[in-house]
Amino acid sequence: MRGNDMKREVSKFFSGAFAGIAYAHASYAIAASNGIIDEPVFLGRKWGVGFMWTEAVVYSAIAVALGYIGWRSEPVKLQVVSAPETNGQRKQAASAASEPLSASS
């Protein structure tokens, strides 16, 4: 059981990390679209605001998926309960009509 708990904690950690990356990309996209900063140039290419928003959405989706894995509730484990086997039959035979136990006067 310890292995599953560790996997959940790792998923929670990476969910937070990807959420932070998504937040940073969204903030950078807002700043670039408002003219506060220039659009980045990387590998000789100018990366536009739309690409930054796409990255923010992808990182957000990854964060949500990892968050679901990390914070979902554990499945309910069914307990085996023993009961006498009946095979659909009664131990007492069905009798014909019987009189009521109490009669009103």
PDB file of N, CA and C in Angstrom:
ATOM      1  N   MET A   1       0.819  -1.184   0.000  1.00  0.00           N
ATOM      2  CA  MET A   1       0.000   0.000   0.000  1.00  0.00           C
ATOM      3  C   MET A   1       0.865   1.251   0.000  1.00  0.00           C
ATOM      4  N   ARG A   2       2.074   1.137   0.516  1.00  0.00           N
ATOM      5  CA  ARG A   2       2.947   2.299   0.602  1.00  0.00           C
ATOM      6  C   ARG A   2       3.319   2.805  -0.786  1.00  0.00           C
ATOM      7  N   GLY A   3       3.455   1.925  -1.745  1.00  0.00           N
ATOM      8  CA  GLY A   3       3.794   2.328  -3.102  1.00  0.00           C
ATOM      9  C   GLY A   3       2.729   3.215  -3.721  1.00  0.00           C
ATOM     10  N   ASN A   4       1.460   2.897  -3.507  1.00  0.00           N
ATOM     11  CA  ASN A   4       0.381   3.720  -4.045  1.00  0.00           C
ATOM     12  C   ASN A   4       0.339   5.087  -3.383  1.00  0.00           C
ATOM     13  N   ASP A   5       0.620   5.141  -2.070  1.00  0.00           N
ATOM     14  CA  ASP A   5       0.632   6.424  -1.374  1.00  0.00           C
ATOM     15  C   ASP A   5       1.741   7.313  -1.919  1.00  0.00           C
ATOM     16  N   MET A   6       2.881   6.705  -2.212  1.00  0.00           N
ATOM     17  CA  MET A   6       4.001   7.484  -2.738  1.00  0.00           C
ATOM     18  C   MET A   6       3.681   8.007  -4.137  1.00  0.00           C
ATOM     19  N   LYS A   7       3.037   7.191  -4.956  1.00  0.00           N
ATOM     20  CA  LYS A   7       2.656   7.631  -6.297  1.00  0.00           C
ATOM     21  C   LYS A   7       1.682   8.799  -6.225  1.00  0.00           C
ATOM     22  N   ARG A   8       0.780   8.762  -5.260  1.00  0.00           N
ATOM     23  CA  ARG A   8      -0.187   9.861  -5.096  1.00  0.00           C
ATOM     24  C   ARG A   8       0.531  11.143  -4.689  1.00  0.00           C
ATOM     25  N   GLU A   9       1.506  11.034  -3.798  1.00  0.00           N
ATOM     26  CA  GLU A   9       2.242  12.218  -3.356  1.00  0.00           C
ATOM     27  C   GLU A   9       3.076  12.802  -4.497  1.00  0.00           C
ATOM     28  N   VAL A  10       3.673  11.953  -5.306  1.00  0.00           N
ATOM     29  CA  VAL A  10       4.450  12.431  -6.457  1.00  0.00           C
ATOM     30  C   VAL A  10       3.520  13.123  -7.449  1.00  0.00           C
ATOM     31  N   SER A  11       2.342  12.565  -7.660  1.00  0.00           N
ATOM     32  CA  SER A  11       1.370  13.185  -8.563  1.00  0.00           C
ATOM     33  C   SER A  11       0.943  14.551  -8.044  1.00  0.00           C
ATOM     34  N   LYS A  12       0.736  14.668  -6.740  1.00  0.00           N
ATOM     35  CA  LYS A  12       0.371  15.957  -6.152  1.00  0.00           C
ATOM     36  C   LYS A  12       1.487  16.983  -6.353  1.00  0.00           C
ATOM     37  N   PHE A  13       2.725  16.546  -6.146  1.00  0.00           N
ATOM     38  CA  PHE A  13       3.865  17.444  -6.308  1.00  0.00           C
ATOM     39  C   PHE A  13       3.955  17.957  -7.740  1.00  0.00           C
ATOM     40  N   PHE A  14       3.913  17.038  -8.704  1.00  0.00           N
ATOM     41  CA  PHE A  14       4.027  17.457 -10.100  1.00  0.00           C
ATOM     42  C   PHE A  14       2.809  18.245 -10.567  1.00  0.00           C
ATOM     43  N   SER A  15       1.654  17.983  -9.975  1.00  0.00           N
ATOM     44  CA  SER A  15       0.485  18.787 -10.294  1.00  0.00           C
ATOM     45  C   SER A  15       0.725  20.244  -9.927  1.00  0.00           C
ATOM     46  N   GLY A  16       1.268  20.471  -8.749  1.00  0.00           N
ATOM     47  CA  GLY A  16       1.583  21.826  -8.327  1.00  0.00           C
ATOM     48  C   GLY A  16       2.660  22.467  -9.184  1.00  0.00           C
ATOM     49  N   ALA A  17       3.652  21.674  -9.569  1.00  0.00           N
ATOM     50  CA  ALA A  17       4.730  22.204 -10.401  1.00  0.00           C
ATOM     51  C   ALA A  17       4.199  22.638 -11.769  1.00  0.00           C
ATOM     52  N   PHE A  18       3.380  21.798 -12.380  1.00  0.00           N
ATOM     53  CA  PHE A  18       2.819  22.145 -13.686  1.00  0.00           C
ATOM     54  C   PHE A  18       1.825  23.297 -13.586  1.00  0.00           C
ATOM     55  N   ALA A  19       1.114  23.391 -12.475  1.00  0.00           N
ATOM     56  CA  ALA A  19       0.216  24.535 -12.284  1.00  0.00           C
ATOM     57  C   ALA A  19       1.021  25.830 -12.199  1.00  0.00           C
ATOM     58  N   GLY A  20       2.148  25.780 -11.538  1.00  0.00           N
ATOM     59  CA  GLY A  20       3.018  26.947 -11.460  1.00  0.00           C
ATOM     60  C   GLY A  20       3.573  27.344 -12.820  1.00  0.00           C
ATOM     61  N   ILE A  21       3.966  26.363 -13.606  1.00  0.00           N
ATOM     62  CA  ILE A  21       4.474  26.640 -14.954  1.00  0.00           C
ATOM     63  C   ILE A  21       3.367  27.246 -15.819  1.00  0.00           C
ATOM     64  N   ALA A  22       2.163  26.701 -15.701  1.00  0.00           N
ATOM     65  CA  ALA A  22       1.028  27.235 -16.474  1.00  0.00           C
ATOM     66  C   ALA A  22       0.747  28.678 -16.070  1.00  0.00           C
ATOM     67  N   TYR A  23       0.796  28.966 -14.777  1.00  0.00           N
ATOM     68  CA  TYR A  23       0.563  30.318 -14.285  1.00  0.00           C
ATOM     69  C   TYR A  23       1.629  31.272 -14.831  1.00  0.00           C
ATOM     70  N   ALA A  24       2.876  30.831 -14.839  1.00  0.00           N
ATOM     71  CA  ALA A  24       3.963  31.671 -15.349  1.00  0.00           C
ATOM     72  C   ALA A  24       3.777  31.959 -16.838  1.00  0.00           C
ATOM     73  N   HIS A  25       3.392  30.947 -17.612  1.00  0.00           N
ATOM     74  CA  HIS A  25       3.178  31.154 -19.045  1.00  0.00           C
ATOM     75  C   HIS A  25       1.993  32.084 -19.305  1.00  0.00           C
ATOM     76  N   ALA A  26       0.926  31.926 -18.537  1.00  0.00           N
ATOM     77  CA  ALA A  26      -0.230  32.806 -18.706  1.00  0.00           C
ATOM     78  C   ALA A  26       0.132  34.246 -18.338  1.00  0.00           C
ATOM     79  N   SER A  27       0.883  34.428 -17.269  1.00  0.00           N
ATOM     80  CA  SER A  27       1.306  35.777 -16.868  1.00  0.00           C
ATOM     81  C   SER A  27       2.204  36.403 -17.924  1.00  0.00           C
ATOM     82  N   TYR A  28       3.092  35.614 -18.474  1.00  0.00           N
ATOM     83  CA  TYR A  28       3.998  36.103 -19.520  1.00  0.00           C
ATOM     84  C   TYR A  28       3.204  36.480 -20.768  1.00  0.00           C
ATOM     85  N   ALA A  29       2.191  35.674 -21.097  1.00  0.00           N
ATOM     86  CA  ALA A  29       1.358  35.968 -22.273  1.00  0.00           C
ATOM     87  C   ALA A  29       0.577  37.263 -22.070  1.00  0.00           C
ATOM     88  N   ILE A  30       0.044  37.471 -20.871  1.00  0.00           N
ATOM     89  CA  ILE A  30      -0.692  38.705 -20.582  1.00  0.00           C
ATOM     90  C   ILE A  30       0.249  39.910 -20.676  1.00  0.00           C
ATOM     91  N   ALA A  31       1.450  39.776 -20.111  1.00  0.00           N
ATOM     92  CA  ALA A  31       2.404  40.886 -20.152  1.00  0.00           C
ATOM     93  C   ALA A  31       2.839  41.186 -21.587  1.00  0.00           C
ATOM     94  N   ALA A  32       3.040  40.152 -22.400  1.00  0.00           N
ATOM     95  CA  ALA A  32       3.454  40.367 -23.786  1.00  0.00           C
ATOM     96  C   ALA A  32       2.323  40.988 -24.604  1.00  0.00           C
ATOM     97  N   SER A  33       1.085  40.570 -24.348  1.00  0.00           N
ATOM     98  CA  SER A  33      -0.031  41.119 -25.121  1.00  0.00           C
ATOM     99  C   SER A  33      -0.323  42.572 -24.740  1.00  0.00           C
ATOM    100  N   ASN A  34       0.010  42.976 -23.511  1.00  0.00           N
ATOM    101  CA  ASN A  34      -0.183  44.358 -23.077  1.00  0.00           C
ATOM    102  C   ASN A  34       1.006  45.255 -23.424  1.00  0.00           C
ATOM    103  N   GLY A  35       2.040  44.685 -24.006  1.00  0.00           N
ATOM    104  CA  GLY A  35       3.200  45.467 -24.408  1.00  0.00           C
ATOM    105  C   GLY A  35       4.174  45.756 -23.294  1.00  0.00           C
ATOM    106  N   ILE A  36       4.007  45.107 -22.155  1.00  0.00           N
ATOM    107  CA  ILE A  36       4.908  45.327 -21.027  1.00  0.00           C
ATOM    108  C   ILE A  36       6.290  44.733 -21.332  1.00  0.00           C
ATOM    109  N   ILE A  37       6.297  43.568 -21.962  1.00  0.00           N
ATOM    110  CA  ILE A  37       7.545  42.916 -22.364  1.00  0.00           C
ATOM    111  C   ILE A  37       7.436  42.542 -23.832  1.00  0.00           C
ATOM    112  N   ASP A  38       8.561  42.311 -24.454  1.00  0.00           N
ATOM    113  CA  ASP A  38       8.578  41.897 -25.859  1.00  0.00           C
ATOM    114  C   ASP A  38       8.315  40.403 -25.956  1.00  0.00           C
ATOM    115  N   GLU A  39       7.826  39.989 -27.112  1.00  0.00           N
ATOM    116  CA  GLU A  39       7.648  38.561 -27.341  1.00  0.00           C
ATOM    117  C   GLU A  39       9.028  37.916 -27.400  1.00  0.00           C
ATOM    118  N   PRO A  40       9.154  36.735 -26.834  1.00  0.00           N
ATOM    119  CA  PRO A  40      10.475  36.109 -26.770  1.00  0.00           C
ATOM    120  C   PRO A  40      10.974  35.653 -28.150  1.00  0.00           C
ATOM    121  N   VAL A  41      12.277  35.720 -28.306  1.00  0.00           N
ATOM    122  CA  VAL A  41      12.939  35.211 -29.501  1.00  0.00           C
ATOM    123  C   VAL A  41      13.834  34.071 -29.037  1.00  0.00           C
ATOM    124  N   PHE A  42      13.567  32.886 -29.552  1.00  0.00           N
ATOM    125  CA  PHE A  42      14.323  31.706 -29.154  1.00  0.00           C
ATOM    126  C   PHE A  42      14.615  30.892 -30.399  1.00  0.00           C
ATOM    127  N   LEU A  43      15.841  30.483 -30.563  1.00  0.00           N
ATOM    128  CA  LEU A  43      16.307  29.733 -31.739  1.00  0.00           C
ATOM    129  C   LEU A  43      16.012  30.491 -33.031  1.00  0.00           C
ATOM    130  N   GLY A  44      16.136  31.798 -32.975  1.00  0.00           N
ATOM    131  CA  GLY A  44      15.948  32.618 -34.158  1.00  0.00           C
ATOM    132  C   GLY A  44      14.502  32.801 -34.578  1.00  0.00           C
ATOM    133  N   ARG A  45      13.588  32.386 -33.758  1.00  0.00           N
ATOM    134  CA  ARG A  45      12.157  32.502 -34.092  1.00  0.00           C
ATOM    135  C   ARG A  45      11.472  33.357 -33.043  1.00  0.00           C
ATOM    136  N   LYS A  46      10.545  34.177 -33.458  1.00  0.00           N
ATOM    137  CA  LYS A  46       9.771  34.992 -32.525  1.00  0.00           C
ATOM    138  C   LYS A  46       8.517  34.216 -32.131  1.00  0.00           C
ATOM    139  N   TRP A  47       8.401  33.926 -30.835  1.00  0.00           N
ATOM    140  CA  TRP A  47       7.288  33.135 -30.329  1.00  0.00           C
ATOM    141  C   TRP A  47       6.172  34.086 -29.908  1.00  0.00           C
ATOM    142  N   GLY A  48       5.023  33.961 -30.535  1.00  0.00           N
ATOM    143  CA  GLY A  48       3.908  34.872 -30.302  1.00  0.00           C
ATOM    144  C   GLY A  48       3.123  34.573 -29.038  1.00  0.00           C
ATOM    145  N   VAL A  49       2.176  35.448 -28.762  1.00  0.00           N
ATOM    146  CA  VAL A  49       1.336  35.324 -27.570  1.00  0.00           C
ATOM    147  C   VAL A  49       0.450  34.082 -27.651  1.00  0.00           C
ATOM    148  N   GLY A  50      -0.028  33.767 -28.853  1.00  0.00           N
ATOM    149  CA  GLY A  50      -0.868  32.576 -29.018  1.00  0.00           C
ATOM    150  C   GLY A  50      -0.150  31.305 -28.620  1.00  0.00           C
ATOM    151  N   PHE A  51       1.128  31.229 -28.948  1.00  0.00           N
ATOM    152  CA  PHE A  51       1.902  30.049 -28.556  1.00  0.00           C
ATOM    153  C   PHE A  51       2.033  29.975 -27.033  1.00  0.00           C
ATOM    154  N   MET A  52       2.191  31.138 -26.391  1.00  0.00           N
ATOM    155  CA  MET A  52       2.283  31.149 -24.923  1.00  0.00           C
ATOM    156  C   MET A  52       0.982  30.683 -24.283  1.00  0.00           C
ATOM    157  N   TRP A  53      -0.153  31.124 -24.849  1.00  0.00           N
ATOM    158  CA  TRP A  53      -1.440  30.671 -24.319  1.00  0.00           C
ATOM    159  C   TRP A  53      -1.620  29.169 -24.533  1.00  0.00           C
ATOM    160  N   THR A  54      -1.147  28.671 -25.669  1.00  0.00           N
ATOM    161  CA  THR A  54      -1.235  27.226 -25.926  1.00  0.00           C
ATOM    162  C   THR A  54      -0.427  26.458 -24.891  1.00  0.00           C
ATOM    163  N   GLU A  55       0.766  26.943 -24.596  1.00  0.00           N
ATOM    164  CA  GLU A  55       1.578  26.285 -23.566  1.00  0.00           C
ATOM    165  C   GLU A  55       0.881  26.323 -22.211  1.00  0.00           C
ATOM    166  N   ALA A  56       0.276  27.463 -21.874  1.00  0.00           N
ATOM    167  CA  ALA A  56      -0.410  27.596 -20.586  1.00  0.00           C
ATOM    168  C   ALA A  56      -1.568  26.599 -20.492  1.00  0.00           C
ATOM    169  N   VAL A  57      -2.300  26.422 -21.584  1.00  0.00           N
ATOM    170  CA  VAL A  57      -3.425  25.471 -21.584  1.00  0.00           C
ATOM    171  C   VAL A  57      -2.915  24.040 -21.444  1.00  0.00           C
ATOM    172  N   VAL A  58      -1.850  23.703 -22.164  1.00  0.00           N
ATOM    173  CA  VAL A  58      -1.306  22.336 -22.090  1.00  0.00           C
ATOM    174  C   VAL A  58      -0.796  22.044 -20.683  1.00  0.00           C
ATOM    175  N   TYR A  59      -0.057  22.986 -20.108  1.00  0.00           N
ATOM    176  CA  TYR A  59       0.446  22.770 -18.747  1.00  0.00           C
ATOM    177  C   TYR A  59      -0.692  22.712 -17.731  1.00  0.00           C
ATOM    178  N   SER A  60      -1.742  23.475 -17.943  1.00  0.00           N
ATOM    179  CA  SER A  60      -2.906  23.417 -17.048  1.00  0.00           C
ATOM    180  C   SER A  60      -3.589  22.058 -17.134  1.00  0.00           C
ATOM    181  N   ALA A  61      -3.723  21.530 -18.332  1.00  0.00           N
ATOM    182  CA  ALA A  61      -4.349  20.208 -18.509  1.00  0.00           C
ATOM    183  C   ALA A  61      -3.525  19.127 -17.823  1.00  0.00           C
ATOM    184  N   ILE A  62      -2.212  19.210 -17.949  1.00  0.00           N
ATOM    185  CA  ILE A  62      -1.354  18.230 -17.272  1.00  0.00           C
ATOM    186  C   ILE A  62      -1.504  18.362 -15.756  1.00  0.00           C
ATOM    187  N   ALA A  63      -1.558  19.604 -15.258  1.00  0.00           N
ATOM    188  CA  ALA A  63      -1.708  19.819 -13.814  1.00  0.00           C
ATOM    189  C   ALA A  63      -3.032  19.257 -13.308  1.00  0.00           C
ATOM    190  N   VAL A  64      -4.101  19.447 -14.082  1.00  0.00           N
ATOM    191  CA  VAL A  64      -5.406  18.927 -13.672  1.00  0.00           C
ATOM    192  C   VAL A  64      -5.406  17.398 -13.667  1.00  0.00           C
ATOM    193  N   ALA A  65      -4.807  16.793 -14.683  1.00  0.00           N
ATOM    194  CA  ALA A  65      -4.760  15.328 -14.748  1.00  0.00           C
ATOM    195  C   ALA A  65      -3.956  14.759 -13.578  1.00  0.00           C
ATOM    196  N   LEU A  66      -2.803  15.343 -13.302  1.00  0.00           N
ATOM    197  CA  LEU A  66      -2.008  14.865 -12.171  1.00  0.00           C
ATOM    198  C   LEU A  66      -2.699  15.140 -10.847  1.00  0.00           C
ATOM    199  N   GLY A  67      -3.403  16.263 -10.756  1.00  0.00           N
ATOM    200  CA  GLY A  67      -4.160  16.556  -9.545  1.00  0.00           C
ATOM    201  C   GLY A  67      -5.274  15.556  -9.316  1.00  0.00           C
ATOM    202  N   TYR A  68      -5.926  15.156 -10.384  1.00  0.00           N
ATOM    203  CA  TYR A  68      -6.986  14.145 -10.261  1.00  0.00           C
ATOM    204  C   TYR A  68      -6.404  12.829  -9.751  1.00  0.00           C
ATOM    205  N   ILE A  69      -5.258  12.452 -10.294  1.00  0.00           N
ATOM    206  CA  ILE A  69      -4.622  11.204  -9.857  1.00  0.00           C
ATOM    207  C   ILE A  69      -4.200  11.308  -8.390  1.00  0.00           C
ATOM    208  N   GLY A  70      -3.677  12.462  -7.998  1.00  0.00           N
ATOM    209  CA  GLY A  70      -3.162  12.611  -6.644  1.00  0.00           C
ATOM    210  C   GLY A  70      -4.214  12.810  -5.579  1.00  0.00           C
ATOM    211  N   TRP A  71      -5.309  13.493  -5.914  1.00  0.00           N
ATOM    212  CA  TRP A  71      -6.296  13.849  -4.884  1.00  0.00           C
ATOM    213  C   TRP A  71      -7.616  13.114  -4.999  1.00  0.00           C
ATOM    214  N   ARG A  72      -7.765  12.206  -5.928  1.00  0.00           N
ATOM    215  CA  ARG A  72      -9.040  11.481  -6.000  1.00  0.00           C
ATOM    216  C   ARG A  72      -9.173  10.586  -4.774  1.00  0.00           C
ATOM    217  N   SER A  73     -10.395  10.263  -4.450  1.00  0.00           N
ATOM    218  CA  SER A  73     -10.615   9.421  -3.276  1.00  0.00           C
ATOM    219  C   SER A  73     -10.262   7.986  -3.621  1.00  0.00           C
ATOM    220  N   GLU A  74      -9.833   7.285  -2.617  1.00  0.00           N
ATOM    221  CA  GLU A  74      -9.487   5.878  -2.810  1.00  0.00           C
ATOM    222  C   GLU A  74     -10.751   5.083  -3.114  1.00  0.00           C
ATOM    223  N   PRO A  75     -10.669   4.113  -3.996  1.00  0.00           N
ATOM    224  CA  PRO A  75     -11.856   3.296  -4.246  1.00  0.00           C
ATOM    225  C   PRO A  75     -12.255   2.522  -2.987  1.00  0.00           C
ATOM    226  N   VAL A  76     -13.537   2.365  -2.807  1.00  0.00           N
ATOM    227  CA  VAL A  76     -14.047   1.662  -1.640  1.00  0.00           C
ATOM    228  C   VAL A  76     -13.725   0.184  -1.788  1.00  0.00           C
ATOM    229  N   LYS A  77     -13.123  -0.360  -0.757  1.00  0.00           N
ATOM    230  CA  LYS A  77     -12.777  -1.780  -0.775  1.00  0.00           C
ATOM    231  C   LYS A  77     -13.942  -2.560  -0.162  1.00  0.00           C
ATOM    232  N   LEU A  78     -14.475  -3.480  -0.912  1.00  0.00           N
ATOM    233  CA  LEU A  78     -15.600  -4.276  -0.436  1.00  0.00           C
ATOM    234  C   LEU A  78     -15.112  -5.342   0.526  1.00  0.00           C
ATOM    235  N   GLN A  79     -15.876  -5.554   1.579  1.00  0.00           N
ATOM    236  CA  GLN A  79     -15.537  -6.578   2.551  1.00  0.00           C
ATOM    237  C   GLN A  79     -16.375  -7.815   2.280  1.00  0.00           C
ATOM    238  N   VAL A  80     -15.756  -8.959   2.436  1.00  0.00           N
ATOM    239  CA  VAL A  80     -16.465 -10.205   2.245  1.00  0.00           C
ATOM    240  C   VAL A  80     -17.190 -10.541   3.540  1.00  0.00           C
ATOM    241  N   VAL A  81     -18.497 -10.700   3.452  1.00  0.00           N
ATOM    242  CA  VAL A  81     -19.312 -11.031   4.617  1.00  0.00           C
ATOM    243  C   VAL A  81     -19.890 -12.411   4.378  1.00  0.00           C
ATOM    244  N   SER A  82     -19.661 -13.305   5.331  1.00  0.00           N
ATOM    245  CA  SER A  82     -20.188 -14.657   5.163  1.00  0.00           C
ATOM    246  C   SER A  82     -21.635 -14.709   5.654  1.00  0.00           C
ATOM    247  N   ALA A  83     -22.427 -15.442   4.941  1.00  0.00           N
ATOM    248  CA  ALA A  83     -23.832 -15.635   5.295  1.00  0.00           C
ATOM    249  C   ALA A  83     -24.180 -17.084   5.003  1.00  0.00           C
ATOM    250  N   PRO A  84     -25.153 -17.605   5.715  1.00  0.00           N
ATOM    251  CA  PRO A  84     -25.528 -18.999   5.446  1.00  0.00           C
ATOM    252  C   PRO A  84     -26.083 -19.144   4.032  1.00  0.00           C
ATOM    253  N   GLU A  85     -25.741 -20.233   3.420  1.00  0.00           N
ATOM    254  CA  GLU A  85     -26.206 -20.476   2.059  1.00  0.00           C
ATOM    255  C   GLU A  85     -27.629 -21.013   2.106  1.00  0.00           C
ATOM    256  N   THR A  86     -28.493 -20.471   1.295  1.00  0.00           N
ATOM    257  CA  THR A  86     -29.893 -20.886   1.327  1.00  0.00           C
ATOM    258  C   THR A  86     -30.284 -21.686   0.093  1.00  0.00           C
ATOM    259  N   ASN A  87     -29.587 -21.491  -0.980  1.00  0.00           N
ATOM    260  CA  ASN A  87     -29.931 -22.161  -2.242  1.00  0.00           C
ATOM    261  C   ASN A  87     -31.366 -21.865  -2.649  1.00  0.00           C
ATOM    262  N   GLY A  88     -31.928 -20.770  -2.170  1.00  0.00           N
ATOM    263  CA  GLY A  88     -33.270 -20.366  -2.556  1.00  0.00           C
ATOM    264  C   GLY A  88     -34.369 -21.193  -1.922  1.00  0.00           C
ATOM    265  N   GLN A  89     -34.060 -21.951  -0.895  1.00  0.00           N
ATOM    266  CA  GLN A  89     -35.071 -22.803  -0.285  1.00  0.00           C
ATOM    267  C   GLN A  89     -35.225 -22.458   1.185  1.00  0.00           C
ATOM    268  N   ARG A  90     -36.408 -22.743   1.714  1.00  0.00           N
ATOM    269  CA  ARG A  90     -36.662 -22.556   3.138  1.00  0.00           C
ATOM    270  C   ARG A  90     -36.453 -23.868   3.857  1.00  0.00           C
ATOM    271  N   LYS A  91     -36.156 -23.744   5.139  1.00  0.00           N
ATOM    272  CA  LYS A  91     -36.013 -24.972   5.926  1.00  0.00           C
ATOM    273  C   LYS A  91     -37.374 -25.524   6.313  1.00  0.00           C
ATOM    274  N   GLN A  92     -38.350 -24.647   6.462  1.00  0.00           N
ATOM    275  CA  GLN A  92     -39.696 -25.110   6.794  1.00  0.00           C
ATOM    276  C   GLN A  92     -40.499 -25.196   5.504  1.00  0.00           C
ATOM    277  N   ALA A  93     -41.240 -26.228   5.407  1.00  0.00           N
ATOM    278  CA  ALA A  93     -42.061 -26.407   4.218  1.00  0.00           C
ATOM    279  C   ALA A  93     -43.239 -25.444   4.270  1.00  0.00           C
ATOM    280  N   ALA A  94     -43.665 -25.021   3.128  1.00  0.00           N
ATOM    281  CA  ALA A  94     -44.829 -24.140   3.063  1.00  0.00           C
ATOM    282  C   ALA A  94     -46.061 -24.961   3.392  1.00  0.00           C
ATOM    283  N   SER A  95     -46.886 -24.436   4.275  1.00  0.00           N
ATOM    284  CA  SER A  95     -48.077 -25.185   4.659  1.00  0.00           C
ATOM    285  C   SER A  95     -49.297 -24.520   4.035  1.00  0.00           C
ATOM    286  N   ALA A  96     -50.384 -25.208   4.141  1.00  0.00           N
ATOM    287  CA  ALA A  96     -51.646 -24.669   3.632  1.00  0.00           C
ATOM    288  C   ALA A  96     -52.043 -23.498   4.522  1.00  0.00           C
ATOM    289  N   ALA A  97     -53.180 -22.957   4.304  1.00  0.00           N
ATOM    290  CA  ALA A  97     -53.638 -21.800   5.054  1.00  0.00           C
ATOM    291  C   ALA A  97     -53.589 -22.094   6.542  1.00  0.00           C
ATOM    292  N   SER A  98     -53.082 -21.149   7.296  1.00  0.00           N
ATOM    293  CA  SER A  98     -53.028 -21.338   8.746  1.00  0.00           C
ATOM    294  C   SER A  98     -53.864 -20.255   9.415  1.00  0.00           C
ATOM    295  N   GLU A  99     -54.344 -20.582  10.616  1.00  0.00           N
ATOM    296  CA  GLU A  99     -55.172 -19.647  11.343  1.00  0.00           C
ATOM    297  C   GLU A  99     -54.306 -18.559  11.957  1.00  0.00           C
ATOM    298  N   PRO A 100     -54.866 -17.336  12.065  1.00  0.00           N
ATOM    299  CA  PRO A 100     -54.096 -16.275  12.702  1.00  0.00           C
ATOM    300  C   PRO A 100     -53.866 -16.584  14.174  1.00  0.00           C
ATOM    301  N   LEU A 101     -52.782 -16.064  14.716  1.00  0.00           N
ATOM    302  CA  LEU A 101     -52.446 -16.321  16.099  1.00  0.00           C
ATOM    303  C   LEU A 101     -53.335 -15.578  17.079  1.00  0.00           C
ATOM    304  N   SER A 102     -53.845 -14.455  16.688  1.00  0.00           N
ATOM    305  CA  SER A 102     -54.748 -13.713  17.578  1.00  0.00           C
ATOM    306  C   SER A 102     -56.054 -13.469  16.820  1.00  0.00           C
ATOM    307  N   ALA A 103     -57.111 -13.569  17.534  1.00  0.00           N
ATOM    308  CA  ALA A 103     -58.420 -13.345  16.923  1.00  0.00           C
ATOM    309  C   ALA A 103     -59.120 -12.256  17.705  1.00  0.00           C
ATOM    310  N   SER A 104     -59.810 -11.409  16.994  1.00  0.00           N
ATOM    311  CA  SER A 104     -60.539 -10.350  17.686  1.00  0.00           C
ATOM    312  C   SER A 104     -61.957 -10.825  17.952  1.00  0.00           C
ATOM    313  N   SER A 105     -62.515 -10.375  19.042  1.00  0.00           N
ATOM    314  CA  SER A 105     -63.837 -10.849  19.445  1.00  0.00           C
ATOM    315  C   SER A 105     -64.932 -10.053  18.841  1.00  0.00           C
TER     316      SER A 105
END
